[in-house]
Amino acid sequence: MSASKTAGICLKVLGIAIAVFGYYGFMHFSGHLAQELEMVLLLGVLLLGCFVHFAGRRLAAKARAESPDSPLRKPEATVLYLRSFQSDTWMLGQGVTSEEEQLSKALRRVGELIAIGRPSEKLPLPGAVRMYVSDAEWQSAVTEHMASARVVVLRAGAGNGLFWELREAISKIPPEKLVILVLGIKKNAYHEFAGMAQNDLGIQLPALPARMIWRASSYWPGLITGAPPGFIRFSANWTPEFVTIPFGPLRFRNLDHRAFKAALKPVFENNRVKWQ
């Protein structure tokens, strides 16, 4: 076992222990207004546990990318994840796992999720297995992995690099192999993304479905202005279909792998992978 993997496991366990201690201590003192200082300190302990656990997940992600059985060494059994680096965020409100980790888990039977990492980061974010290349090499790396991956998931967003990746995908891979993820994006940003696809690439993306209050995601600031989360898949003649990621009436946390997997059923069927 590598040092990074061992350290990652230890930090994850330690983070959970610290967070549990802080949580139960905070709940114990929550009914005693005279213990305000203790409550503040225990809340800090809870947050510290979350950050320690997150650091452990990043170390574990580094160990996985560098291991002999890394998905980066088996490009034929992968799902390439393309996104703007602005999408690489982590918040305490996302819980123990991020949405990218849940997406990776949902697609694991199709292929391991891989992505280009941000050059400046010292440790990878957990989720997709990240590879690191220079500015002069990233386009060739994307093209190479795009050709060998079973599926390409491109997260709608902004940026010249992302739009170049969309252009490459449309020109070089079959339409059934491309899936566009709509997640955490404002409606006007999606309309701009769709307009560029239409004007420059001749691909018409579907209009956004109505977003019901009871199907709202965890993006409360974008409840009205945010696009509903979903996937856009394509038929053999590039006809698009928007598949909404399902939500229950009481699901107000971030998406989990079951919600992603429910919307990704056509991707499993196209790859002849059993879907449950």
Foldseek 3Di string as FASTA:
>chain_A
DDPLLVQLVVLLVQLVVQLVQLVVQLVVCVVPPVPVVSNVVSVVSNVVSLVSNQSSLLSNLVCLLPDPPRLVVVLLAAEEEAEDCVPPDDDVLQPNDHPLQQQQVLCVLRHGYEYAADQPDPTGGHHGRYDYDDPVCPVVVLLVSLVRHQAYEYEQFDDPVSVVSVLSNVVPDFQQRYKYWYPPAFQVRVVVSQVCCCPPVVQHEDHADDQDQLFAELPVVRSPGGTATFMWGADRVRDIDTQGQGDGSPHNGHDGNVSVNVRCVSNCVVSVHDGD
